[in-house]
PDB file of all heavy atoms in Angstrom:
ATOM      1  N   VAL A   1      42.429 111.520  71.102  1.00  0.00           N
ATOM      2  CA  VAL A   1      42.869 111.767  72.481  1.00  0.00           C
ATOM      3  C   VAL A   1      43.433 113.179  72.599  1.00  0.00           C
ATOM      4  O   VAL A   1      44.116 113.661  71.688  1.00  0.00           O
ATOM      5  CB  VAL A   1      43.932 110.724  72.902  1.00  0.00           C
ATOM      6  CG1 VAL A   1      44.607 111.120  74.214  1.00  0.00           C
ATOM      7  CG2 VAL A   1      43.297 109.349  73.018  1.00  0.00           C
ATOM      8  N   SER A   2      43.145 113.844  73.723  1.00  0.00           N
ATOM      9  CA  SER A   2      43.705 115.171  73.998  1.00  0.00           C
ATOM     10  C   SER A   2      44.441 115.155  75.332  1.00  0.00           C
ATOM     11  O   SER A   2      43.883 114.746  76.348  1.00  0.00           O
ATOM     12  CB  SER A   2      42.599 116.231  74.042  1.00  0.00           C
ATOM     13  OG  SER A   2      41.971 116.365  72.783  1.00  0.00           O
ATOM     14  N   ILE A   3      45.683 115.603  75.307  1.00  0.00           N
ATOM     15  CA  ILE A   3      46.505 115.703  76.513  1.00  0.00           C
ATOM     16  C   ILE A   3      47.133 117.090  76.518  1.00  0.00           C
ATOM     17  O   ILE A   3      47.759 117.484  75.530  1.00  0.00           O
ATOM     18  CB  ILE A   3      47.610 114.632  76.536  1.00  0.00           C
ATOM     19  CG1 ILE A   3      47.000 113.230  76.531  1.00  0.00           C
ATOM     20  CG2 ILE A   3      48.523 114.807  77.747  1.00  0.00           C
ATOM     21  CD1 ILE A   3      48.029 112.121  76.346  1.00  0.00           C
ATOM     22  N   GLY A   4      46.970 117.832  77.614  1.00  0.00           N
ATOM     23  CA  GLY A   4      47.588 119.159  77.633  1.00  0.00           C
ATOM     24  C   GLY A   4      47.172 120.010  78.817  1.00  0.00           C
ATOM     25  O   GLY A   4      46.537 119.536  79.753  1.00  0.00           O
ATOM     26  N   GLY A   5      47.549 121.275  78.752  1.00  0.00           N
ATOM     27  CA  GLY A   5      47.394 122.179  79.874  1.00  0.00           C
ATOM     28  C   GLY A   5      46.047 122.883  79.928  1.00  0.00           C
ATOM     29  O   GLY A   5      45.280 122.879  78.960  1.00  0.00           O
ATOM     30  N   ASN A   6      45.795 123.512  81.078  1.00  0.00           N
ATOM     31  CA  ASN A   6      44.609 124.343  81.246  1.00  0.00           C
ATOM     32  C   ASN A   6      44.995 125.823  81.162  1.00  0.00           C
ATOM     33  O   ASN A   6      46.152 126.153  80.881  1.00  0.00           O
ATOM     34  CB  ASN A   6      43.906 124.024  82.581  1.00  0.00           C
ATOM     35  CG  ASN A   6      44.823 124.226  83.786  1.00  0.00           C
ATOM     36  OD1 ASN A   6      45.810 124.967  83.727  1.00  0.00           O
ATOM     37  ND2 ASN A   6      44.498 123.565  84.887  1.00  0.00           N
ATOM     38  N   LEU A   7      44.046 126.703  81.418  1.00  0.00           N
ATOM     39  CA  LEU A   7      44.314 128.135  81.291  1.00  0.00           C
ATOM     40  C   LEU A   7      45.266 128.649  82.360  1.00  0.00           C
ATOM     41  O   LEU A   7      45.829 129.745  82.227  1.00  0.00           O
ATOM     42  CB  LEU A   7      42.997 128.914  81.342  1.00  0.00           C
ATOM     43  CG  LEU A   7      42.056 128.702  80.148  1.00  0.00           C
ATOM     44  CD1 LEU A   7      40.764 129.476  80.342  1.00  0.00           C
ATOM     45  CD2 LEU A   7      42.724 129.099  78.839  1.00  0.00           C
ATOM     46  N   LYS A   8      45.469 127.877  83.421  1.00  0.00           N
ATOM     47  CA  LYS A   8      46.416 128.256  84.467  1.00  0.00           C
ATOM     48  C   LYS A   8      47.823 127.728  84.181  1.00  0.00           C
ATOM     49  O   LYS A   8      48.713 127.834  85.019  1.00  0.00           O
ATOM     50  CB  LYS A   8      45.942 127.726  85.820  1.00  0.00           C
ATOM     51  CG  LYS A   8      44.642 128.347  86.302  1.00  0.00           C
ATOM     52  CD  LYS A   8      44.252 127.781  87.677  1.00  0.00           C
ATOM     53  CE  LYS A   8      42.962 128.390  88.167  1.00  0.00           C
ATOM     54  NZ  LYS A   8      42.582 127.834  89.508  1.00  0.00           N
ATOM     55  N   MET A   9      48.006 127.165  82.978  1.00  0.00           N
ATOM     56  CA  MET A   9      49.301 126.607  82.571  1.00  0.00           C
ATOM     57  C   MET A   9      49.724 125.455  83.481  1.00  0.00           C
ATOM     58  O   MET A   9      50.895 125.280  83.799  1.00  0.00           O
ATOM     59  CB  MET A   9      50.381 127.700  82.546  1.00  0.00           C
ATOM     60  CG  MET A   9      50.011 128.923  81.734  1.00  0.00           C
ATOM     61  SD  MET A   9      49.760 128.563  79.969  1.00  0.00           S
ATOM     62  CE  MET A   9      51.466 128.371  79.437  1.00  0.00           C
ATOM     63  N   GLU A  10      48.744 124.658  83.885  1.00  0.00           N
ATOM     64  CA  GLU A  10      49.001 123.433  84.649  1.00  0.00           C
ATOM     65  C   GLU A  10      48.905 122.260  83.692  1.00  0.00           C
ATOM     66  O   GLU A  10      48.032 122.234  82.809  1.00  0.00           O
ATOM     67  CB  GLU A  10      47.980 123.287  85.780  1.00  0.00           C
ATOM     68  CG  GLU A  10      48.032 124.414  86.799  1.00  0.00           C
ATOM     69  CD  GLU A  10      46.868 124.406  87.757  1.00  0.00           C
ATOM     70  OE1 GLU A  10      45.764 123.989  87.335  1.00  0.00           O
ATOM     71  OE2 GLU A  10      47.049 124.809  88.922  1.00  0.00           O
ATOM     72  N   TYR A  11      49.792 121.276  83.866  1.00  0.00           N
ATOM     73  CA  TYR A  11      49.904 120.216  82.881  1.00  0.00           C
ATOM     74  C   TYR A  11      49.808 118.833  83.523  1.00  0.00           C
ATOM     75  O   TYR A  11      50.163 118.653  84.696  1.00  0.00           O
ATOM     76  CB  TYR A  11      51.229 120.342  82.123  1.00  0.00           C
ATOM     77  CG  TYR A  11      51.388 121.669  81.436  1.00  0.00           C
ATOM     78  CD1 TYR A  11      52.146 122.687  82.017  1.00  0.00           C
ATOM     79  CD2 TYR A  11      50.752 121.931  80.229  1.00  0.00           C
ATOM     80  CE1 TYR A  11      52.273 123.925  81.399  1.00  0.00           C
ATOM     81  CE2 TYR A  11      50.879 123.153  79.604  1.00  0.00           C
ATOM     82  CZ  TYR A  11      51.640 124.148  80.193  1.00  0.00           C
ATOM     83  OH  TYR A  11      51.759 125.373  79.579  1.00  0.00           O
ATOM     84  N   PRO A  12      49.367 117.838  82.757  1.00  0.00           N
ATOM     85  CA  PRO A  12      49.214 116.489  83.306  1.00  0.00           C
ATOM     86  C   PRO A  12      50.546 115.814  83.623  1.00  0.00           C
ATOM     87  O   PRO A  12      51.582 116.114  83.013  1.00  0.00           O
ATOM     88  CB  PRO A  12      48.488 115.734  82.185  1.00  0.00           C
ATOM     89  CG  PRO A  12      47.891 116.781  81.313  1.00  0.00           C
ATOM     90  CD  PRO A  12      48.828 117.946  81.392  1.00  0.00           C
ATOM     91  N   SER A  13      50.480 114.896  84.555  1.00  0.00           N
ATOM     92  CA  SER A  13      51.602 114.014  84.883  1.00  0.00           C
ATOM     93  C   SER A  13      51.105 112.580  84.730  1.00  0.00           C
ATOM     94  O   SER A  13      50.146 112.174  85.396  1.00  0.00           O
ATOM     95  CB  SER A  13      52.087 114.270  86.311  1.00  0.00           C
ATOM     96  OG  SER A  13      53.121 113.378  86.662  1.00  0.00           O
ATOM     97  N   ILE A  14      51.744 111.840  83.849  1.00  0.00           N
ATOM     98  CA  ILE A  14      51.259 110.510  83.479  1.00  0.00           C
ATOM     99  C   ILE A  14      52.342 109.483  83.801  1.00  0.00           C
ATOM    100  O   ILE A  14      53.446 109.537  83.247  1.00  0.00           O
ATOM    101  CB  ILE A  14      50.893 110.470  81.978  1.00  0.00           C
ATOM    102  CG1 ILE A  14      49.822 111.523  81.674  1.00  0.00           C
ATOM    103  CG2 ILE A  14      50.414 109.086  81.573  1.00  0.00           C
ATOM    104  CD1 ILE A  14      49.616 111.786  80.203  1.00  0.00           C
ATOM    105  N   GLU A  15      52.020 108.559  84.683  1.00  0.00           N
ATOM    106  CA  GLU A  15      52.992 107.563  85.113  1.00  0.00           C
ATOM    107  C   GLU A  15      53.140 106.446  84.073  1.00  0.00           C
ATOM    108  O   GLU A  15      52.458 106.424  83.050  1.00  0.00           O
ATOM    109  CB  GLU A  15      52.593 106.991  86.473  1.00  0.00           C
ATOM    110  CG  GLU A  15      52.546 108.014  87.602  1.00  0.00           C
ATOM    111  CD  GLU A  15      53.903 108.630  87.903  1.00  0.00           C
ATOM    112  OE1 GLU A  15      54.923 107.975  87.674  1.00  0.00           O
ATOM    113  OE2 GLU A  15      53.935 109.787  88.377  1.00  0.00           O
ATOM    114  N   GLU A  16      54.013 105.511  84.363  1.00  0.00           N
ATOM    115  CA  GLU A  16      54.330 104.430  83.430  1.00  0.00           C
ATOM    116  C   GLU A  16      53.134 103.492  83.225  1.00  0.00           C
ATOM    117  O   GLU A  16      52.385 103.199  84.151  1.00  0.00           O
ATOM    118  CB  GLU A  16      55.524 103.634  83.967  1.00  0.00           C
ATOM    119  CG  GLU A  16      56.042 102.562  83.036  1.00  0.00           C
ATOM    120  CD  GLU A  16      57.291 101.901  83.570  1.00  0.00           C
ATOM    121  OE1 GLU A  16      58.355 102.553  83.555  1.00  0.00           O
ATOM    122  OE2 GLU A  16      57.204 100.743  84.022  1.00  0.00           O
ATOM    123  N   GLY A  17      52.981 103.038  81.981  1.00  0.00           N
ATOM    124  CA  GLY A  17      51.970 102.040  81.685  1.00  0.00           C
ATOM    125  C   GLY A  17      50.550 102.562  81.700  1.00  0.00           C
ATOM    126  O   GLY A  17      49.681 101.983  82.353  1.00  0.00           O
ATOM    127  N   VAL A  18      50.291 103.639  80.965  1.00  0.00           N
ATOM    128  CA  VAL A  18      48.948 104.222  80.895  1.00  0.00           C
ATOM    129  C   VAL A  18      48.452 104.146  79.453  1.00  0.00           C
ATOM    130  O   VAL A  18      49.209 104.402  78.511  1.00  0.00           O
ATOM    131  CB  VAL A  18      48.936 105.686  81.384  1.00  0.00           C
ATOM    132  CG1 VAL A  18      47.593 106.349  81.106  1.00  0.00           C
ATOM    133  CG2 VAL A  18      49.255 105.747  82.877  1.00  0.00           C
ATOM    134  N   VAL A  19      47.181 103.808  79.284  1.00  0.00           N
ATOM    135  CA  VAL A  19      46.578 103.789  77.951  1.00  0.00           C
ATOM    136  C   VAL A  19      45.400 104.756  77.919  1.00  0.00           C
ATOM    137  O   VAL A  19      44.577 104.793  78.835  1.00  0.00           O
ATOM    138  CB  VAL A  19      46.126 102.364  77.544  1.00  0.00           C
ATOM    139  CG1 VAL A  19      45.195 101.741  78.572  1.00  0.00           C
ATOM    140  CG2 VAL A  19      45.477 102.379  76.159  1.00  0.00           C
ATOM    141  N   PHE A  20      45.336 105.562  76.856  1.00  0.00           N
ATOM    142  CA  PHE A  20      44.217 106.458  76.598  1.00  0.00           C
ATOM    143  C   PHE A  20      43.414 105.877  75.433  1.00  0.00           C
ATOM    144  O   PHE A  20      43.895 105.840  74.300  1.00  0.00           O
ATOM    145  CB  PHE A  20      44.711 107.853  76.229  1.00  0.00           C
ATOM    146  CG  PHE A  20      45.241 108.658  77.374  1.00  0.00           C
ATOM    147  CD1 PHE A  20      46.572 108.583  77.736  1.00  0.00           C
ATOM    148  CD2 PHE A  20      44.405 109.495  78.100  1.00  0.00           C
ATOM    149  CE1 PHE A  20      47.077 109.324  78.798  1.00  0.00           C
ATOM    150  CE2 PHE A  20      44.893 110.251  79.158  1.00  0.00           C
ATOM    151  CZ  PHE A  20      46.229 110.161  79.512  1.00  0.00           C
ATOM    152  N   PHE A  21      42.208 105.431  75.721  1.00  0.00           N
ATOM    153  CA  PHE A  21      41.356 104.891  74.675  1.00  0.00           C
ATOM    154  C   PHE A  21      40.662 106.027  73.915  1.00  0.00           C
ATOM    155  O   PHE A  21      40.776 107.196  74.297  1.00  0.00           O
ATOM    156  CB  PHE A  21      40.364 103.901  75.284  1.00  0.00           C
ATOM    157  CG  PHE A  21      40.995 102.582  75.655  1.00  0.00           C
ATOM    158  CD1 PHE A  21      41.243 102.257  76.976  1.00  0.00           C
ATOM    159  CD2 PHE A  21      41.374 101.692  74.663  1.00  0.00           C
ATOM    160  CE1 PHE A  21      41.843 101.045  77.315  1.00  0.00           C
ATOM    161  CE2 PHE A  21      41.977 100.474  74.988  1.00  0.00           C
ATOM    162  CZ  PHE A  21      42.213 100.157  76.314  1.00  0.00           C
ATOM    163  N   PRO A  22      39.944 105.721  72.802  1.00  0.00           N
ATOM    164  CA  PRO A  22      39.438 106.761  71.910  1.00  0.00           C
ATOM    165  C   PRO A  22      38.638 107.870  72.598  1.00  0.00           C
ATOM    166  O   PRO A  22      37.812 107.622  73.475  1.00  0.00           O
ATOM    167  CB  PRO A  22      38.557 105.979  70.935  1.00  0.00           C
ATOM    168  CG  PRO A  22      39.198 104.635  70.871  1.00  0.00           C
ATOM    169  CD  PRO A  22      39.670 104.375  72.267  1.00  0.00           C
ATOM    170  N   LYS A  23      38.927 109.103  72.178  1.00  0.00           N
ATOM    171  CA  LYS A  23      38.227 110.318  72.596  1.00  0.00           C
ATOM    172  C   LYS A  23      38.315 110.580  74.098  1.00  0.00           C
ATOM    173  O   LYS A  23      37.441 111.268  74.654  1.00  0.00           O
ATOM    174  CB  LYS A  23      36.766 110.266  72.127  1.00  0.00           C
ATOM    175  CG  LYS A  23      36.613 110.248  70.611  1.00  0.00           C
ATOM    176  CD  LYS A  23      35.161 110.297  70.181  1.00  0.00           C
ATOM    177  CE  LYS A  23      35.053 110.313  68.664  1.00  0.00           C
ATOM    178  NZ  LYS A  23      33.634 110.363  68.202  1.00  0.00           N
ATOM    179  N   SER A  24      39.334 110.068  74.737  1.00  0.00           N
ATOM    180  CA  SER A  24      39.562 110.400  76.147  1.00  0.00           C
ATOM    181  C   SER A  24      40.507 111.599  76.222  1.00  0.00           C
ATOM    182  O   SER A  24      41.164 111.952  75.246  1.00  0.00           O
ATOM    183  CB  SER A  24      40.148 109.204  76.899  1.00  0.00           C
ATOM    184  OG  SER A  24      41.385 108.798  76.336  1.00  0.00           O
ATOM    185  N   SER A  25      40.562 112.219  77.408  1.00  0.00           N
ATOM    186  CA  SER A  25      41.420 113.391  77.545  1.00  0.00           C
ATOM    187  C   SER A  25      41.900 113.545  78.979  1.00  0.00           C
ATOM    188  O   SER A  25      41.265 113.083  79.926  1.00  0.00           O
ATOM    189  CB  SER A  25      40.669 114.662  77.120  1.00  0.00           C
ATOM    190  OG  SER A  25      39.570 114.917  77.971  1.00  0.00           O
ATOM    191  N   ALA A  26      43.049 114.194  79.106  1.00  0.00           N
ATOM    192  CA  ALA A  26      43.606 114.582  80.411  1.00  0.00           C
ATOM    193  C   ALA A  26      44.094 116.013  80.275  1.00  0.00           C
ATOM    194  O   ALA A  26      45.066 116.284  79.571  1.00  0.00           O
ATOM    195  CB  ALA A  26      44.735 113.653  80.814  1.00  0.00           C
ATOM    196  N   ILE A  27      43.408 116.929  80.943  1.00  0.00           N
ATOM    197  CA  ILE A  27      43.692 118.355  80.820  1.00  0.00           C
ATOM    198  C   ILE A  27      44.002 118.935  82.199  1.00  0.00           C
ATOM    199  O   ILE A  27      43.341 118.609  83.191  1.00  0.00           O
ATOM    200  CB  ILE A  27      42.503 119.107  80.195  1.00  0.00           C
ATOM    201  CG1 ILE A  27      42.126 118.510  78.832  1.00  0.00           C
ATOM    202  CG2 ILE A  27      42.811 120.595  80.053  1.00  0.00           C
ATOM    203  CD1 ILE A  27      43.214 118.582  77.786  1.00  0.00           C
ATOM    204  N   GLY A  28      44.993 119.801  82.236  1.00  0.00           N
ATOM    205  CA  GLY A  28      45.321 120.481  83.489  1.00  0.00           C
ATOM    206  C   GLY A  28      46.188 119.632  84.400  1.00  0.00           C
ATOM    207  O   GLY A  28      46.958 118.788  83.949  1.00  0.00           O
ATOM    208  N   SER A  29      46.052 119.843  85.695  1.00  0.00           N
ATOM    209  CA  SER A  29      46.949 119.224  86.679  1.00  0.00           C
ATOM    210  C   SER A  29      46.560 117.788  87.023  1.00  0.00           C
ATOM    211  O   SER A  29      46.616 117.381  88.192  1.00  0.00           O
ATOM    212  CB  SER A  29      46.986 120.072  87.951  1.00  0.00           C
ATOM    213  OG  SER A  29      45.688 120.180  88.517  1.00  0.00           O
TER     214      SER A  29
END
C-alpha cells in the first residue's frame, strides 16, 4: 500500500474505519 503526497505537496485525508487492500494507493489530495 502507498499513502502520501503529490508534487504539489497535497496529502490524503482518511476518515475513520478505512481499509486499504493489497497494492492500493491514495496519493495527493
